[in-house]
Amino acid sequence: MENLPPEALTEIAAYFQALSEPTRLQILNLLRQEERNVGELAQLCGFTAANISRHLTMLTKHGLVARESRGTSAYYRIADESVYELCDLVCGKIARQLQQAAQKHQVFSPSE
């Protein structure tokens, strides 16, 4: 990110904003397995199709998913596999933080 103009930083922030919503992360996780249509995603996520469509629009706008029309349905798939590397990196960091917090808690808890 060194020496990037403010406009580029704004685009980067918007990309991370697309990843900052739990439902969108759930959608990305489901699409990791296979492509799906809005109805399938809505059923699996437990939300309305309209809600899932709004999330898919955001993910498509930022190039994370791709849309393909087939007959009367639209199917979504991952467009940028590198998002999983980023998420795995972040998940690993959070797991380490939680492990460290648990270890600290254990030090201060009385032994049984």
C-alpha atoms as a PDB file:
ATOM      1  CA  MET A   1       0.000   0.000   0.000  1.00  0.00           C
ATOM      2  CA  GLU A   2       3.043   2.209   0.129  1.00  0.00           C
ATOM      3  CA  ASN A   3       2.798   5.404  -1.946  1.00  0.00           C
ATOM      4  CA  LEU A   4      -0.704   4.710  -3.221  1.00  0.00           C
ATOM      5  CA  PRO A   5      -2.866   7.721  -4.045  1.00  0.00           C
ATOM      6  CA  PRO A   6      -5.953   8.387  -1.921  1.00  0.00           C
ATOM      7  CA  GLU A   7      -8.217   7.147  -4.737  1.00  0.00           C
ATOM      8  CA  ALA A   8      -6.533   3.733  -4.678  1.00  0.00           C
ATOM      9  CA  LEU A   9      -6.815   3.558  -0.896  1.00  0.00           C
ATOM     10  CA  THR A  10     -10.538   4.298  -1.219  1.00  0.00           C
ATOM     11  CA  GLU A  11     -10.920   1.357  -3.616  1.00  0.00           C
ATOM     12  CA  ILE A  12      -8.980  -0.928  -1.269  1.00  0.00           C
ATOM     13  CA  ALA A  13     -11.175   0.124   1.652  1.00  0.00           C
ATOM     14  CA  ALA A  14     -14.297  -0.604  -0.409  1.00  0.00           C
ATOM     15  CA  TYR A  15     -12.958  -4.096  -1.199  1.00  0.00           C
ATOM     16  CA  PHE A  16     -12.458  -4.798   2.502  1.00  0.00           C
ATOM     17  CA  GLN A  17     -15.892  -3.358   3.219  1.00  0.00           C
ATOM     18  CA  ALA A  18     -17.355  -5.978   0.874  1.00  0.00           C
ATOM     19  CA  LEU A  19     -15.740  -8.609   3.101  1.00  0.00           C
ATOM     20  CA  SER A  20     -16.839  -6.995   6.366  1.00  0.00           C
ATOM     21  CA  GLU A  21     -20.335  -8.483   6.504  1.00  0.00           C
ATOM     22  CA  PRO A  22     -20.891 -12.006   7.936  1.00  0.00           C
ATOM     23  CA  THR A  23     -23.563 -12.940   5.380  1.00  0.00           C
ATOM     24  CA  ARG A  24     -21.231 -12.113   2.496  1.00  0.00           C
ATOM     25  CA  LEU A  25     -18.524 -14.267   4.087  1.00  0.00           C
ATOM     26  CA  GLN A  26     -21.057 -17.068   4.431  1.00  0.00           C
ATOM     27  CA  ILE A  27     -21.946 -16.711   0.737  1.00  0.00           C
ATOM     28  CA  LEU A  28     -18.266 -16.859  -0.232  1.00  0.00           C
ATOM     29  CA  ASN A  29     -17.867 -19.987   1.877  1.00  0.00           C
ATOM     30  CA  LEU A  30     -20.832 -21.648   0.168  1.00  0.00           C
ATOM     31  CA  LEU A  31     -19.530 -20.705  -3.275  1.00  0.00           C
ATOM     32  CA  ARG A  32     -16.176 -22.233  -2.357  1.00  0.00           C
ATOM     33  CA  GLN A  33     -17.893 -25.619  -2.597  1.00  0.00           C
ATOM     34  CA  GLU A  34     -19.774 -25.063  -5.879  1.00  0.00           C
ATOM     35  CA  GLU A  35     -21.624 -22.478  -7.922  1.00  0.00           C
ATOM     36  CA  ARG A  36     -25.162 -21.751  -6.779  1.00  0.00           C
ATOM     37  CA  ASN A  37     -28.190 -19.655  -7.660  1.00  0.00           C
ATOM     38  CA  VAL A  38     -29.823 -17.029  -5.455  1.00  0.00           C
ATOM     39  CA  GLY A  39     -32.561 -19.364  -4.247  1.00  0.00           C
ATOM     40  CA  GLU A  40     -30.076 -22.001  -3.130  1.00  0.00           C
ATOM     41  CA  LEU A  41     -27.948 -19.418  -1.337  1.00  0.00           C
ATOM     42  CA  ALA A  42     -30.997 -17.882   0.338  1.00  0.00           C
ATOM     43  CA  GLN A  43     -32.137 -21.259   1.620  1.00  0.00           C
ATOM     44  CA  LEU A  44     -28.675 -22.213   2.894  1.00  0.00           C
ATOM     45  CA  CYS A  45     -28.108 -18.823   4.556  1.00  0.00           C
ATOM     46  CA  GLY A  46     -31.596 -18.541   6.001  1.00  0.00           C
ATOM     47  CA  PHE A  47     -32.331 -15.167   4.409  1.00  0.00           C
ATOM     48  CA  THR A  48     -34.656 -13.918   1.691  1.00  0.00           C
ATOM     49  CA  ALA A  49     -33.636 -14.051  -1.939  1.00  0.00           C
ATOM     50  CA  ALA A  50     -33.819 -10.240  -2.053  1.00  0.00           C
ATOM     51  CA  ASN A  51     -31.363  -9.961   0.833  1.00  0.00           C
ATOM     52  CA  ILE A  52     -28.946 -12.441  -0.767  1.00  0.00           C
ATOM     53  CA  SER A  53     -29.250 -10.627  -4.115  1.00  0.00           C
ATOM     54  CA  ARG A  54     -28.135  -7.367  -2.485  1.00  0.00           C
ATOM     55  CA  HIS A  55     -25.093  -9.102  -1.017  1.00  0.00           C
ATOM     56  CA  LEU A  56     -24.281 -10.764  -4.346  1.00  0.00           C
ATOM     57  CA  THR A  57     -24.484  -7.396  -6.089  1.00  0.00           C
ATOM     58  CA  MET A  58     -21.844  -6.022  -3.706  1.00  0.00           C
ATOM     59  CA  LEU A  59     -19.608  -9.076  -4.159  1.00  0.00           C
ATOM     60  CA  THR A  60     -19.969  -8.901  -7.941  1.00  0.00           C
ATOM     61  CA  LYS A  61     -19.222  -5.169  -7.990  1.00  0.00           C
ATOM     62  CA  HIS A  62     -15.876  -5.820  -6.304  1.00  0.00           C
ATOM     63  CA  GLY A  63     -14.986  -8.740  -8.574  1.00  0.00           C
ATOM     64  CA  LEU A  64     -15.268 -11.414  -5.903  1.00  0.00           C
ATOM     65  CA  VAL A  65     -18.036 -13.379  -7.596  1.00  0.00           C
ATOM     66  CA  ALA A  66     -19.155 -13.761 -11.197  1.00  0.00           C
ATOM     67  CA  ARG A  67     -22.727 -14.112 -12.428  1.00  0.00           C
ATOM     68  CA  GLU A  68     -23.857 -16.323 -15.295  1.00  0.00           C
ATOM     69  CA  SER A  69     -27.421 -16.408 -16.621  1.00  0.00           C
ATOM     70  CA  ARG A  70     -28.863 -19.794 -17.515  1.00  0.00           C
ATOM     71  CA  GLY A  71     -32.452 -19.760 -18.659  1.00  0.00           C
ATOM     72  CA  THR A  72     -34.471 -18.023 -15.968  1.00  0.00           C
ATOM     73  CA  SER A  73     -31.813 -18.420 -13.257  1.00  0.00           C
ATOM     74  CA  ALA A  74     -28.551 -16.684 -12.518  1.00  0.00           C
ATOM     75  CA  TYR A  75     -25.706 -18.735 -11.092  1.00  0.00           C
ATOM     76  CA  TYR A  76     -22.869 -17.315  -9.044  1.00  0.00           C
ATOM     77  CA  ARG A  77     -19.346 -18.600  -8.686  1.00  0.00           C
ATOM     78  CA  ILE A  78     -16.107 -17.328  -7.223  1.00  0.00           C
ATOM     79  CA  ALA A  79     -14.344 -14.970  -9.603  1.00  0.00           C
ATOM     80  CA  ASP A  80     -11.248 -14.355  -7.494  1.00  0.00           C
ATOM     81  CA  GLU A  81      -9.893 -17.404  -5.655  1.00  0.00           C
ATOM     82  CA  SER A  82      -7.313 -15.221  -3.891  1.00  0.00           C
ATOM     83  CA  VAL A  83     -10.054 -14.044  -1.535  1.00  0.00           C
ATOM     84  CA  TYR A  84      -9.742 -17.403   0.223  1.00  0.00           C
ATOM     85  CA  GLU A  85      -6.027 -16.864   0.808  1.00  0.00           C
ATOM     86  CA  LEU A  86      -6.834 -13.508   2.367  1.00  0.00           C
ATOM     87  CA  CYS A  87      -9.611 -14.975   4.533  1.00  0.00           C
ATOM     88  CA  ASP A  88      -7.409 -17.897   5.600  1.00  0.00           C
ATOM     89  CA  LEU A  89      -4.691 -15.438   6.599  1.00  0.00           C
ATOM     90  CA  VAL A  90      -7.133 -13.396   8.675  1.00  0.00           C
ATOM     91  CA  CYS A  91      -8.742 -16.506  10.204  1.00  0.00           C
ATOM     92  CA  GLY A  92      -5.309 -17.797  11.212  1.00  0.00           C
ATOM     93  CA  LYS A  93      -4.507 -14.493  12.886  1.00  0.00           C
ATOM     94  CA  ILE A  94      -7.794 -14.494  14.805  1.00  0.00           C
ATOM     95  CA  ALA A  95      -7.303 -18.128  15.853  1.00  0.00           C
ATOM     96  CA  ARG A  96      -3.853 -17.278  17.244  1.00  0.00           C
ATOM     97  CA  GLN A  97      -5.281 -14.313  19.160  1.00  0.00           C
ATOM     98  CA  LEU A  98      -8.027 -16.472  20.660  1.00  0.00           C
ATOM     99  CA  GLN A  99      -5.516 -19.154  21.600  1.00  0.00           C
ATOM    100  CA  GLN A 100      -3.286 -16.581  23.317  1.00  0.00           C
ATOM    101  CA  ALA A 101      -6.272 -15.150  25.204  1.00  0.00           C
ATOM    102  CA  ALA A 102      -7.286 -18.651  26.336  1.00  0.00           C
ATOM    103  CA  GLN A 103      -3.748 -19.345  27.531  1.00  0.00           C
ATOM    104  CA  LYS A 104      -3.689 -16.079  29.507  1.00  0.00           C
ATOM    105  CA  HIS A 105      -7.063 -16.920  31.018  1.00  0.00           C
ATOM    106  CA  GLN A 106      -5.807 -20.382  31.971  1.00  0.00           C
ATOM    107  CA  VAL A 107      -2.774 -18.877  33.778  1.00  0.00           C
ATOM    108  CA  PHE A 108      -5.061 -16.795  35.979  1.00  0.00           C
ATOM    109  CA  SER A 109      -7.645 -19.513  36.592  1.00  0.00           C
ATOM    110  CA  PRO A 110      -7.226 -21.658  39.686  1.00  0.00           C
ATOM    111  CA  SER A 111      -6.251 -25.272  39.046  1.00  0.00           C
ATOM    112  CA  GLU A 112      -8.809 -27.888  39.820  1.00  0.00           C
END
